[in-house]
Amino acid sequence: MFTEVEQQQHIEKLEIFKIQGRDKRGRKILRIIGKFFPARNLSVEVVNKYLAEKIFPELEKRPFAVVYVHTDVEKSENFPGVSALRSFYDAIPVKVRENLEAIYFLHPGLQARLFLATFGRFIFSGGLYGKLRYVSRVDNLWEHVRRNEIGMPEFVYDHDEDLEYRPMMDYGLESDHARVYGDAPAVDSPVTMYSMRCIS
């Protein structure tokens, strides 16, 4: 485990949490890149301290929205766990919670949807859970967010392109690793494979 200073620097360098741009209603956006979250190397306390010092003060005064990018999140690498999620949520100041009006969850996948449908109401308050909006494609995100004001890593667009050609990936019914199939058809086996990219 890194020292507290190293962990804070890691969070800053990776830009896991970044306030950037506005949505179509003029609300600030907190962009969160799930793939960049090194769950094994960050302590819950350091993440909460970072958010309290660097992010939350910017979100206390006006309504805002969250764009959470779930692309390429793997349970073993990027998912902090249920207790950590609960801790993150509990550490959000009341003013910030009250100002959060929408959560756009990009590239959720079947497993993430099932996880949130099962545990979401227990981890988060009913009010927050009700603000969740699943967004299956980047193009659909631009219906809610100003396109030129928020940056997306290249792998997000690459995944979107894969979904266009292999729509079964959208629901976690096909492996998202194209190398497994090579040039074979998208579904060439009677046994469907659940995407390991998603939360299980």
N, C-alpha and C. Protein backbone atom coordinates (compact mmCIF):
# COMPACT_ATOMS: atom_id res chain seq x y z
N MET A 1 0.85 -1.20 0.00
CA MET A 1 0.00 0.00 0.00
C MET A 1 0.88 1.24 0.00
N PHE A 2 0.54 2.21 -0.84
CA PHE A 2 1.29 3.46 -0.90
C PHE A 2 1.03 4.30 0.34
N THR A 3 1.92 5.27 0.58
CA THR A 3 1.69 6.22 1.67
C THR A 3 0.49 7.10 1.31
N GLU A 4 -0.01 7.82 2.30
CA GLU A 4 -1.16 8.70 2.05
C GLU A 4 -0.85 9.73 0.98
N VAL A 5 0.34 10.33 1.04
CA VAL A 5 0.73 11.34 0.05
C VAL A 5 0.80 10.73 -1.34
N GLU A 6 1.38 9.54 -1.45
CA GLU A 6 1.48 8.86 -2.74
C GLU A 6 0.11 8.51 -3.30
N GLN A 7 -0.80 8.09 -2.42
CA GLN A 7 -2.16 7.77 -2.87
C GLN A 7 -2.87 9.02 -3.39
N GLN A 8 -2.71 10.13 -2.68
CA GLN A 8 -3.34 11.38 -3.12
C GLN A 8 -2.78 11.81 -4.47
N GLN A 9 -1.48 11.68 -4.63
CA GLN A 9 -0.84 12.03 -5.90
C GLN A 9 -1.32 11.12 -7.02
N HIS A 10 -1.53 9.85 -6.70
CA HIS A 10 -2.02 8.87 -7.66
C HIS A 10 -3.41 9.26 -8.15
N ILE A 11 -4.29 9.61 -7.23
CA ILE A 11 -5.65 10.02 -7.57
C ILE A 11 -5.61 11.25 -8.48
N GLU A 12 -4.75 12.20 -8.11
CA GLU A 12 -4.63 13.45 -8.88
C GLU A 12 -4.11 13.19 -10.28
N LYS A 13 -3.07 12.39 -10.37
CA LYS A 13 -2.42 12.12 -11.66
C LYS A 13 -3.35 11.39 -12.62
N LEU A 14 -4.09 10.41 -12.11
CA LEU A 14 -4.98 9.61 -12.96
C LEU A 14 -6.27 10.34 -13.33
N GLU A 15 -6.56 11.44 -12.61
CA GLU A 15 -7.80 12.19 -12.84
C GLU A 15 -9.02 11.28 -12.74
N ILE A 16 -9.03 10.47 -11.69
CA ILE A 16 -10.18 9.59 -11.45
C ILE A 16 -11.43 10.42 -11.25
N PHE A 17 -11.31 11.47 -10.45
CA PHE A 17 -12.41 12.39 -10.18
C PHE A 17 -12.04 13.75 -10.78
N LYS A 18 -12.89 14.27 -11.64
CA LYS A 18 -12.59 15.56 -12.26
C LYS A 18 -13.88 16.34 -12.49
N ILE A 19 -13.89 17.58 -12.01
CA ILE A 19 -15.03 18.45 -12.29
C ILE A 19 -14.75 19.10 -13.63
N GLN A 20 -15.63 18.82 -14.58
CA GLN A 20 -15.35 19.22 -15.95
C GLN A 20 -16.64 19.38 -16.74
N GLY A 21 -16.83 20.55 -17.34
CA GLY A 21 -17.96 20.77 -18.23
C GLY A 21 -19.30 20.89 -17.53
N ARG A 22 -20.34 20.93 -18.35
CA ARG A 22 -21.71 21.06 -17.84
C ARG A 22 -22.65 20.18 -18.66
N ASP A 23 -23.78 19.85 -18.05
CA ASP A 23 -24.77 19.10 -18.82
C ASP A 23 -25.70 20.07 -19.53
N LYS A 24 -26.70 19.55 -20.23
CA LYS A 24 -27.58 20.40 -21.04
C LYS A 24 -28.44 21.33 -20.19
N ARG A 25 -28.50 21.06 -18.88
CA ARG A 25 -29.25 21.94 -17.98
C ARG A 25 -28.35 22.96 -17.28
N GLY A 26 -27.09 22.99 -17.70
CA GLY A 26 -26.15 23.96 -17.15
C GLY A 26 -25.52 23.55 -15.83
N ARG A 27 -25.73 22.30 -15.41
CA ARG A 27 -25.16 21.84 -14.14
C ARG A 27 -23.70 21.41 -14.32
N LYS A 28 -22.86 21.72 -13.33
CA LYS A 28 -21.49 21.22 -13.33
C LYS A 28 -21.50 19.70 -13.38
N ILE A 29 -20.41 19.14 -13.92
CA ILE A 29 -20.31 17.68 -13.99
C ILE A 29 -19.09 17.21 -13.21
N LEU A 30 -19.30 16.20 -12.38
CA LEU A 30 -18.20 15.47 -11.76
C LEU A 30 -18.04 14.19 -12.58
N ARG A 31 -16.93 14.11 -13.31
CA ARG A 31 -16.66 12.92 -14.13
C ARG A 31 -15.81 11.94 -13.31
N ILE A 32 -16.24 10.68 -13.28
CA ILE A 32 -15.52 9.64 -12.55
C ILE A 32 -15.19 8.52 -13.54
N ILE A 33 -13.90 8.19 -13.66
CA ILE A 33 -13.48 7.11 -14.56
C ILE A 33 -13.21 5.87 -13.72
N GLY A 34 -14.12 4.90 -13.78
CA GLY A 34 -14.01 3.70 -12.96
C GLY A 34 -12.77 2.87 -13.24
N LYS A 35 -12.37 2.78 -14.50
CA LYS A 35 -11.21 1.96 -14.87
C LYS A 35 -9.94 2.47 -14.18
N PHE A 36 -9.85 3.77 -13.95
CA PHE A 36 -8.64 4.36 -13.37
C PHE A 36 -8.57 4.20 -11.86
N PHE A 37 -9.64 3.68 -11.25
CA PHE A 37 -9.67 3.57 -9.79
C PHE A 37 -8.88 2.33 -9.35
N PRO A 38 -7.67 2.51 -8.81
CA PRO A 38 -6.87 1.35 -8.41
C PRO A 38 -7.29 0.87 -7.02
N ALA A 39 -8.33 0.10 -6.97
CA ALA A 39 -8.96 -0.29 -5.69
C ALA A 39 -7.98 -0.95 -4.73
N ARG A 40 -7.03 -1.69 -5.26
CA ARG A 40 -6.08 -2.40 -4.38
C ARG A 40 -5.09 -1.47 -3.71
N ASN A 41 -4.85 -0.31 -4.31
CA ASN A 41 -3.80 0.58 -3.83
C ASN A 41 -4.28 1.82 -3.11
N LEU A 42 -5.59 1.98 -2.99
CA LEU A 42 -6.13 3.17 -2.34
C LEU A 42 -6.93 2.78 -1.11
N SER A 43 -6.72 3.49 -0.03
CA SER A 43 -7.52 3.25 1.17
C SER A 43 -8.78 4.11 1.11
N VAL A 44 -9.83 3.63 1.72
CA VAL A 44 -11.10 4.36 1.76
C VAL A 44 -10.89 5.73 2.42
N GLU A 45 -10.10 5.77 3.48
CA GLU A 45 -9.87 7.01 4.22
C GLU A 45 -9.21 8.07 3.33
N VAL A 46 -8.21 7.65 2.54
CA VAL A 46 -7.50 8.60 1.68
C VAL A 46 -8.43 9.12 0.58
N VAL A 47 -9.23 8.23 0.01
CA VAL A 47 -10.18 8.66 -1.03
C VAL A 47 -11.17 9.66 -0.45
N ASN A 48 -11.71 9.36 0.72
CA ASN A 48 -12.66 10.28 1.35
C ASN A 48 -12.02 11.63 1.66
N LYS A 49 -10.77 11.60 2.13
CA LYS A 49 -10.07 12.85 2.43
C LYS A 49 -9.84 13.65 1.16
N TYR A 50 -9.43 12.98 0.09
CA TYR A 50 -9.21 13.66 -1.19
C TYR A 50 -10.50 14.33 -1.68
N LEU A 51 -11.59 13.58 -1.63
CA LEU A 51 -12.88 14.13 -2.07
C LEU A 51 -13.29 15.32 -1.22
N ALA A 52 -13.09 15.19 0.09
CA ALA A 52 -13.48 16.27 1.02
C ALA A 52 -12.67 17.54 0.77
N GLU A 53 -11.40 17.39 0.42
CA GLU A 53 -10.53 18.55 0.25
C GLU A 53 -10.56 19.14 -1.16
N LYS A 54 -10.62 18.28 -2.18
CA LYS A 54 -10.44 18.74 -3.56
C LYS A 54 -11.73 18.82 -4.39
N ILE A 55 -12.72 18.00 -4.05
CA ILE A 55 -13.89 17.89 -4.92
C ILE A 55 -15.15 18.49 -4.29
N PHE A 56 -15.50 18.06 -3.10
CA PHE A 56 -16.77 18.48 -2.49
C PHE A 56 -16.92 19.99 -2.33
N PRO A 57 -15.85 20.74 -1.96
CA PRO A 57 -16.04 22.20 -1.83
C PRO A 57 -16.53 22.87 -3.10
N GLU A 58 -16.21 22.26 -4.26
CA GLU A 58 -16.64 22.82 -5.55
C GLU A 58 -18.11 22.50 -5.87
N LEU A 59 -18.69 21.57 -5.09
CA LEU A 59 -20.03 21.09 -5.43
C LEU A 59 -21.08 21.46 -4.38
N GLU A 60 -20.72 22.27 -3.41
CA GLU A 60 -21.64 22.58 -2.31
C GLU A 60 -22.61 23.71 -2.63
N LYS A 61 -22.30 24.50 -3.66
CA LYS A 61 -23.08 25.72 -3.86
C LYS A 61 -24.19 25.61 -4.89
N ARG A 62 -24.02 24.74 -5.88
CA ARG A 62 -25.00 24.65 -6.98
C ARG A 62 -25.29 23.21 -7.35
N PRO A 63 -26.43 22.98 -8.00
CA PRO A 63 -26.75 21.63 -8.48
C PRO A 63 -25.68 21.12 -9.44
N PHE A 64 -25.43 19.82 -9.41
CA PHE A 64 -24.45 19.22 -10.30
C PHE A 64 -24.92 17.82 -10.68
N ALA A 65 -24.22 17.25 -11.68
CA ALA A 65 -24.51 15.89 -12.13
C ALA A 65 -23.20 15.10 -12.12
N VAL A 66 -23.31 13.79 -12.03
CA VAL A 66 -22.15 12.90 -12.09
C VAL A 66 -22.22 12.11 -13.39
N VAL A 67 -21.09 12.03 -14.08
CA VAL A 67 -20.94 11.10 -15.20
C VAL A 67 -19.96 10.03 -14.73
N TYR A 68 -20.48 8.83 -14.49
CA TYR A 68 -19.64 7.73 -14.05
C TYR A 68 -19.38 6.83 -15.25
N VAL A 69 -18.11 6.67 -15.62
CA VAL A 69 -17.71 5.87 -16.78
C VAL A 69 -17.29 4.48 -16.29
N HIS A 70 -18.12 3.49 -16.58
CA HIS A 70 -17.90 2.12 -16.08
C HIS A 70 -17.13 1.25 -17.07
N THR A 71 -16.75 1.81 -18.19
CA THR A 71 -16.06 1.07 -19.24
C THR A 71 -14.82 0.35 -18.71
N ASP A 72 -14.72 -0.94 -19.00
CA ASP A 72 -13.56 -1.77 -18.65
C ASP A 72 -13.31 -1.92 -17.15
N VAL A 73 -14.31 -1.69 -16.34
CA VAL A 73 -14.15 -1.93 -14.90
C VAL A 73 -14.20 -3.44 -14.66
N GLU A 74 -13.23 -3.94 -13.90
CA GLU A 74 -13.18 -5.35 -13.54
C GLU A 74 -13.23 -5.46 -12.03
N LYS A 75 -14.01 -6.40 -11.55
CA LYS A 75 -14.22 -6.55 -10.11
C LYS A 75 -12.92 -6.65 -9.33
N SER A 76 -11.96 -7.42 -9.84
CA SER A 76 -10.73 -7.67 -9.10
C SER A 76 -9.77 -6.49 -9.10
N GLU A 77 -9.94 -5.57 -10.04
CA GLU A 77 -8.98 -4.48 -10.18
C GLU A 77 -9.52 -3.11 -9.77
N ASN A 78 -10.74 -2.78 -10.21
CA ASN A 78 -11.23 -1.41 -10.09
C ASN A 78 -12.42 -1.23 -9.16
N PHE A 79 -13.03 -2.32 -8.74
CA PHE A 79 -14.23 -2.21 -7.92
C PHE A 79 -13.84 -2.21 -6.45
N PRO A 80 -14.13 -1.12 -5.71
CA PRO A 80 -13.67 -1.02 -4.32
C PRO A 80 -14.40 -1.91 -3.33
N GLY A 81 -15.57 -2.44 -3.70
CA GLY A 81 -16.34 -3.29 -2.79
C GLY A 81 -17.53 -2.56 -2.20
N VAL A 82 -18.49 -3.34 -1.72
CA VAL A 82 -19.75 -2.78 -1.21
C VAL A 82 -19.53 -1.90 0.01
N SER A 83 -18.71 -2.35 0.96
CA SER A 83 -18.50 -1.57 2.18
C SER A 83 -17.80 -0.25 1.88
N ALA A 84 -16.87 -0.26 0.91
CA ALA A 84 -16.19 0.98 0.53
C ALA A 84 -17.16 1.94 -0.14
N LEU A 85 -18.02 1.42 -1.02
CA LEU A 85 -19.02 2.27 -1.66
C LEU A 85 -19.92 2.94 -0.63
N ARG A 86 -20.31 2.16 0.37
CA ARG A 86 -21.15 2.70 1.43
C ARG A 86 -20.41 3.79 2.21
N SER A 87 -19.14 3.56 2.46
CA SER A 87 -18.33 4.55 3.18
C SER A 87 -18.18 5.84 2.37
N PHE A 88 -17.94 5.69 1.06
CA PHE A 88 -17.84 6.87 0.20
C PHE A 88 -19.14 7.67 0.25
N TYR A 89 -20.25 6.96 0.15
CA TYR A 89 -21.55 7.63 0.15
C TYR A 89 -21.81 8.33 1.48
N ASP A 90 -21.51 7.65 2.59
CA ASP A 90 -21.74 8.23 3.91
C ASP A 90 -20.89 9.47 4.16
N ALA A 91 -19.73 9.55 3.49
CA ALA A 91 -18.81 10.68 3.69
C ALA A 91 -19.21 11.91 2.88
N ILE A 92 -20.17 11.78 1.99
CA ILE A 92 -20.60 12.94 1.20
C ILE A 92 -21.37 13.91 2.09
N PRO A 93 -20.95 15.16 2.17
CA PRO A 93 -21.67 16.14 3.00
C PRO A 93 -23.11 16.31 2.54
N VAL A 94 -23.98 16.64 3.47
CA VAL A 94 -25.41 16.79 3.17
C VAL A 94 -25.64 17.80 2.05
N LYS A 95 -24.94 18.92 2.09
CA LYS A 95 -25.11 19.95 1.05
C LYS A 95 -24.80 19.41 -0.33
N VAL A 96 -23.76 18.61 -0.41
CA VAL A 96 -23.36 18.03 -1.71
C VAL A 96 -24.42 17.03 -2.17
N ARG A 97 -24.88 16.18 -1.27
CA ARG A 97 -25.94 15.22 -1.63
C ARG A 97 -27.18 15.93 -2.15
N GLU A 98 -27.54 17.01 -1.49
CA GLU A 98 -28.75 17.75 -1.89
C GLU A 98 -28.59 18.38 -3.27
N ASN A 99 -27.35 18.72 -3.64
CA ASN A 99 -27.11 19.35 -4.93
C ASN A 99 -26.96 18.35 -6.08
N LEU A 100 -26.76 17.09 -5.76
CA LEU A 100 -26.62 16.06 -6.80
C LEU A 100 -27.99 15.76 -7.40
N GLU A 101 -28.14 16.06 -8.69
CA GLU A 101 -29.45 15.92 -9.33
C GLU A 101 -29.54 14.78 -10.33
N ALA A 102 -28.41 14.31 -10.84
CA ALA A 102 -28.45 13.22 -11.83
C ALA A 102 -27.13 12.46 -11.84
N ILE A 103 -27.20 11.15 -12.08
CA ILE A 103 -26.02 10.31 -12.24
C ILE A 103 -26.16 9.57 -13.57
N TYR A 104 -25.28 9.87 -14.50
CA TYR A 104 -25.27 9.20 -15.79
C TYR A 104 -24.24 8.08 -15.73
N PHE A 105 -24.71 6.86 -15.82
CA PHE A 105 -23.87 5.65 -15.66
C PHE A 105 -23.60 5.09 -17.04
N LEU A 106 -22.40 5.39 -17.56
CA LEU A 106 -22.06 5.02 -18.93
C LEU A 106 -21.49 3.60 -19.01
N HIS A 107 -21.99 2.82 -19.98
CA HIS A 107 -21.57 1.43 -20.23
C HIS A 107 -21.77 0.54 -19.00
N PRO A 108 -22.97 0.44 -18.49
CA PRO A 108 -23.19 -0.34 -17.27
C PRO A 108 -23.01 -1.84 -17.39
N GLY A 109 -23.48 -2.46 -18.47
CA GLY A 109 -23.39 -3.92 -18.58
C GLY A 109 -24.39 -4.61 -17.67
N LEU A 110 -24.65 -5.87 -17.96
CA LEU A 110 -25.66 -6.64 -17.24
C LEU A 110 -25.32 -6.80 -15.76
N GLN A 111 -24.08 -7.17 -15.46
CA GLN A 111 -23.72 -7.45 -14.07
C GLN A 111 -23.85 -6.20 -13.20
N ALA A 112 -23.44 -5.04 -13.72
CA ALA A 112 -23.57 -3.80 -12.95
C ALA A 112 -25.04 -3.47 -12.71
N ARG A 113 -25.87 -3.67 -13.73
CA ARG A 113 -27.31 -3.40 -13.55
C ARG A 113 -27.91 -4.32 -12.48
N LEU A 114 -27.54 -5.60 -12.53
CA LEU A 114 -28.05 -6.54 -11.54
C LEU A 114 -27.56 -6.19 -10.13
N PHE A 115 -26.29 -5.81 -10.04
CA PHE A 115 -25.72 -5.43 -8.75
C PHE A 115 -26.48 -4.25 -8.15
N LEU A 116 -26.70 -3.22 -8.96
CA LEU A 116 -27.37 -2.02 -8.45
C LEU A 116 -28.84 -2.28 -8.16
N ALA A 117 -29.47 -3.12 -8.99
CA ALA A 117 -30.88 -3.46 -8.74
C ALA A 117 -31.02 -4.21 -7.42
N THR A 118 -30.00 -5.03 -7.09
CA THR A 118 -30.05 -5.84 -5.87
C THR A 118 -29.60 -5.06 -4.64
N PHE A 119 -28.45 -4.35 -4.78
CA PHE A 119 -27.84 -3.71 -3.61
C PHE A 119 -27.96 -2.19 -3.59
N GLY A 120 -28.28 -1.60 -4.73
CA GLY A 120 -28.29 -0.13 -4.82
C GLY A 120 -29.14 0.54 -3.77
N ARG A 121 -30.31 0.00 -3.52
CA ARG A 121 -31.22 0.62 -2.55
C ARG A 121 -30.71 0.49 -1.12
N PHE A 122 -29.87 -0.53 -0.88
CA PHE A 122 -29.32 -0.71 0.46
C PHE A 122 -28.10 0.19 0.69
N ILE A 123 -27.30 0.36 -0.39
CA ILE A 123 -26.08 1.16 -0.26
C ILE A 123 -26.41 2.65 -0.26
N PHE A 124 -27.31 3.04 -1.16
CA PHE A 124 -27.63 4.45 -1.32
C PHE A 124 -29.05 4.73 -0.88
N SER A 125 -29.32 5.97 -0.57
CA SER A 125 -30.69 6.34 -0.20
C SER A 125 -31.58 6.24 -1.43
N GLY A 126 -32.87 6.10 -1.20
CA GLY A 126 -33.82 5.99 -2.29
C GLY A 126 -33.75 7.18 -3.23
N GLY A 127 -33.51 8.35 -2.66
CA GLY A 127 -33.44 9.56 -3.48
C GLY A 127 -32.30 9.51 -4.48
N LEU A 128 -31.13 9.07 -4.02
CA LEU A 128 -29.97 9.00 -4.91
C LEU A 128 -30.16 7.91 -5.95
N TYR A 129 -30.64 6.76 -5.53
CA TYR A 129 -30.84 5.65 -6.46
C TYR A 129 -31.80 6.06 -7.58
N GLY A 130 -32.79 6.88 -7.24
CA GLY A 130 -33.77 7.33 -8.23
C GLY A 130 -33.19 8.31 -9.25
N LYS A 131 -32.01 8.85 -8.98
CA LYS A 131 -31.39 9.81 -9.91
C LYS A 131 -30.49 9.11 -10.93
N LEU A 132 -30.35 7.80 -10.80
CA LEU A 132 -29.46 7.02 -11.66
C LEU A 132 -30.07 6.84 -13.05
N ARG A 133 -29.27 7.12 -14.08
CA ARG A 133 -29.70 6.94 -15.47
C ARG A 133 -28.65 6.11 -16.20
N TYR A 134 -29.03 4.95 -16.71
CA TYR A 134 -28.10 4.13 -17.48
C TYR A 134 -27.96 4.70 -18.88
N VAL A 135 -26.72 4.77 -19.36
CA VAL A 135 -26.43 5.29 -20.69
C VAL A 135 -25.57 4.24 -21.40
N SER A 136 -26.12 3.62 -22.45
CA SER A 136 -25.44 2.49 -23.08
C SER A 136 -24.38 2.89 -24.09
N ARG A 137 -24.46 4.10 -24.65
CA ARG A 137 -23.51 4.55 -25.67
C ARG A 137 -23.08 5.99 -25.39
N VAL A 138 -21.87 6.33 -25.83
CA VAL A 138 -21.38 7.70 -25.66
C VAL A 138 -22.29 8.69 -26.38
N ASP A 139 -22.74 8.31 -27.59
CA ASP A 139 -23.63 9.21 -28.33
C ASP A 139 -24.89 9.54 -27.55
N ASN A 140 -25.38 8.57 -26.78
CA ASN A 140 -26.57 8.83 -25.95
C ASN A 140 -26.25 9.78 -24.80
N LEU A 141 -24.99 9.76 -24.35
CA LEU A 141 -24.60 10.68 -23.28
C LEU A 141 -24.70 12.12 -23.74
N TRP A 142 -24.39 12.37 -25.02
CA TRP A 142 -24.42 13.74 -25.54
C TRP A 142 -25.83 14.30 -25.59
N GLU A 143 -26.84 13.46 -25.41
CA GLU A 143 -28.21 13.98 -25.31
C GLU A 143 -28.41 14.72 -23.99
N HIS A 144 -27.54 14.42 -23.01
CA HIS A 144 -27.66 15.01 -21.67
C HIS A 144 -26.51 15.94 -21.32
N VAL A 145 -25.35 15.72 -21.94
CA VAL A 145 -24.13 16.44 -21.57
C VAL A 145 -23.59 17.19 -22.78
N ARG A 146 -23.02 18.37 -22.54
CA ARG A 146 -22.43 19.15 -23.63
C ARG A 146 -21.15 18.46 -24.12
N ARG A 147 -21.21 18.02 -25.36
CA ARG A 147 -20.18 17.15 -25.93
C ARG A 147 -18.76 17.72 -25.83
N ASN A 148 -18.59 19.00 -26.14
CA ASN A 148 -17.25 19.57 -26.23
C ASN A 148 -16.68 20.00 -24.88
N GLU A 149 -17.42 19.77 -23.81
CA GLU A 149 -16.97 20.26 -22.51
C GLU A 149 -16.47 19.16 -21.58
N ILE A 150 -16.58 17.92 -21.99
CA ILE A 150 -16.13 16.83 -21.13
C ILE A 150 -15.26 15.87 -21.94
N GLY A 151 -14.09 15.57 -21.42
CA GLY A 151 -13.17 14.68 -22.11
C GLY A 151 -13.41 13.23 -21.75
N MET A 152 -13.23 12.37 -22.73
CA MET A 152 -13.36 10.93 -22.51
C MET A 152 -12.09 10.23 -22.99
N PRO A 153 -11.57 9.27 -22.22
CA PRO A 153 -10.40 8.52 -22.68
C PRO A 153 -10.72 7.74 -23.96
N GLU A 154 -9.71 7.47 -24.75
CA GLU A 154 -9.89 6.80 -26.03
C GLU A 154 -10.52 5.42 -25.88
N PHE A 155 -10.21 4.70 -24.79
CA PHE A 155 -10.75 3.35 -24.63
C PHE A 155 -12.28 3.35 -24.50
N VAL A 156 -12.84 4.46 -24.09
CA VAL A 156 -14.30 4.56 -23.98
C VAL A 156 -14.93 4.54 -25.37
N TYR A 157 -14.34 5.28 -26.29
CA TYR A 157 -14.83 5.29 -27.67
C TYR A 157 -14.58 3.95 -28.36
N ASP A 158 -13.45 3.33 -28.04
CA ASP A 158 -13.16 2.01 -28.61
C ASP A 158 -14.21 1.00 -28.18
N HIS A 159 -14.57 1.04 -26.90
CA HIS A 159 -15.58 0.12 -26.39
C HIS A 159 -16.94 0.39 -27.04
N ASP A 160 -17.25 1.66 -27.23
CA ASP A 160 -18.50 2.04 -27.88
C ASP A 160 -18.57 1.46 -29.29
N GLU A 161 -17.44 1.52 -29.98
CA GLU A 161 -17.39 0.98 -31.34
C GLU A 161 -17.60 -0.53 -31.32
N ASP A 162 -17.00 -1.22 -30.34
CA ASP A 162 -17.22 -2.66 -30.20
C ASP A 162 -18.69 -2.97 -29.99
N LEU A 163 -19.36 -2.14 -29.19
CA LEU A 163 -20.78 -2.38 -28.92
C LEU A 163 -21.63 -2.22 -30.17
N GLU A 164 -21.23 -1.31 -31.05
CA GLU A 164 -21.99 -1.12 -32.29
C GLU A 164 -21.95 -2.37 -33.15
N TYR A 165 -20.79 -3.03 -33.18
CA TYR A 165 -20.63 -4.21 -34.01
C TYR A 165 -21.01 -5.49 -33.29
N ARG A 166 -21.00 -5.45 -31.96
CA ARG A 166 -21.29 -6.65 -31.17
C ARG A 166 -22.26 -6.27 -30.06
N PRO A 167 -23.50 -5.99 -30.39
CA PRO A 167 -24.46 -5.47 -29.41
C PRO A 167 -24.74 -6.39 -28.23
N MET A 168 -24.45 -7.70 -28.37
CA MET A 168 -24.69 -8.60 -27.24
C MET A 168 -23.79 -8.26 -26.06
N MET A 169 -22.66 -7.60 -26.34
CA MET A 169 -21.77 -7.17 -25.26
C MET A 169 -22.47 -6.19 -24.34
N ASP A 170 -23.41 -5.43 -24.90
CA ASP A 170 -24.15 -4.43 -24.14
C ASP A 170 -24.79 -5.02 -22.90
N TYR A 171 -25.18 -6.27 -22.98
CA TYR A 171 -25.91 -6.91 -21.90
C TYR A 171 -25.07 -7.93 -21.14
N GLY A 172 -23.77 -7.96 -21.43
CA GLY A 172 -22.89 -8.89 -20.73
C GLY A 172 -23.08 -10.33 -21.15
N LEU A 173 -23.72 -10.56 -22.29
CA LEU A 173 -23.99 -11.92 -22.75
C LEU A 173 -22.90 -12.46 -23.65
N GLU A 174 -21.88 -11.63 -23.89
CA GLU A 174 -20.79 -12.06 -24.74
C GLU A 174 -19.51 -11.51 -24.15
N SER A 175 -18.43 -12.26 -24.26
CA SER A 175 -17.15 -11.76 -23.77
C SER A 175 -16.77 -10.49 -24.51
N ASP A 176 -16.20 -9.53 -23.78
CA ASP A 176 -15.80 -8.29 -24.44
C ASP A 176 -14.34 -8.36 -24.90
N HIS A 177 -13.77 -9.54 -24.89
CA HIS A 177 -12.41 -9.71 -25.36
C HIS A 177 -12.45 -10.32 -26.75
N ALA A 178 -12.32 -9.46 -27.78
CA ALA A 178 -12.46 -9.91 -29.17
C ALA A 178 -11.43 -10.97 -29.53
N ARG A 179 -10.28 -10.95 -28.86
CA ARG A 179 -9.23 -11.92 -29.20
C ARG A 179 -9.68 -13.36 -28.96
N VAL A 180 -10.65 -13.54 -28.08
CA VAL A 180 -11.14 -14.89 -27.79
C VAL A 180 -11.77 -15.49 -29.03
N TYR A 181 -12.45 -14.65 -29.80
CA TYR A 181 -13.19 -15.14 -30.96
C TYR A 181 -12.46 -14.92 -32.28
N GLY A 182 -11.47 -14.01 -32.31
CA GLY A 182 -10.82 -13.69 -33.57
C GLY A 182 -11.84 -13.10 -34.52
N ASP A 183 -11.97 -13.66 -35.71
CA ASP A 183 -12.92 -13.16 -36.69
C ASP A 183 -14.22 -13.96 -36.71
N ALA A 184 -14.41 -14.76 -35.69
CA ALA A 184 -15.62 -15.60 -35.64
C ALA A 184 -16.85 -14.73 -35.38
N PRO A 185 -18.04 -15.25 -35.66
CA PRO A 185 -19.26 -14.50 -35.40
C PRO A 185 -19.38 -14.12 -33.92
N ALA A 186 -20.17 -13.09 -33.67
CA ALA A 186 -20.29 -12.57 -32.30
C ALA A 186 -20.77 -13.64 -31.33
N VAL A 187 -21.75 -14.43 -31.73
CA VAL A 187 -22.25 -15.49 -30.86
C VAL A 187 -22.13 -16.80 -31.62
N ASP A 188 -21.10 -17.56 -31.28
CA ASP A 188 -20.87 -18.79 -32.03
C ASP A 188 -20.89 -20.02 -31.13
N SER A 189 -21.45 -19.86 -29.95
CA SER A 189 -21.49 -20.97 -29.01
C SER A 189 -22.84 -21.00 -28.32
N PRO A 190 -23.36 -22.21 -28.04
CA PRO A 190 -24.63 -22.28 -27.32
C PRO A 190 -24.49 -21.81 -25.87
N VAL A 191 -23.25 -21.71 -25.39
CA VAL A 191 -23.03 -21.26 -24.02
C VAL A 191 -22.63 -19.80 -24.05
N THR A 192 -23.44 -18.92 -23.47
CA THR A 192 -23.09 -17.50 -23.45
C THR A 192 -22.11 -17.22 -22.33
N MET A 193 -21.26 -16.24 -22.56
CA MET A 193 -20.26 -15.87 -21.57
C MET A 193 -20.61 -14.52 -20.97
N TYR A 194 -20.58 -14.43 -19.66
CA TYR A 194 -20.85 -13.15 -19.02
C TYR A 194 -19.58 -12.32 -19.01
N SER A 195 -19.73 -11.05 -19.26
CA SER A 195 -18.58 -10.16 -19.33
C SER A 195 -17.92 -10.01 -17.98
N MET A 196 -16.63 -10.29 -17.94
CA MET A 196 -15.89 -10.12 -16.69
C MET A 196 -15.58 -8.65 -16.45
N ARG A 197 -15.86 -7.80 -17.45
CA ARG A 197 -15.62 -6.38 -17.31
C ARG A 197 -16.54 -5.77 -16.28
N CYS A 198 -17.72 -6.35 -16.12
CA CYS A 198 -18.73 -5.74 -15.28
C CYS A 198 -18.63 -6.22 -13.84
N ILE A 199 -19.25 -5.49 -12.97
CA ILE A 199 -19.31 -5.88 -11.56
C ILE A 199 -20.13 -7.14 -11.44
N SER A 200 -19.67 -8.08 -10.64
CA SER A 200 -20.47 -9.29 -10.43
C SER A 200 -20.90 -9.38 -9.00
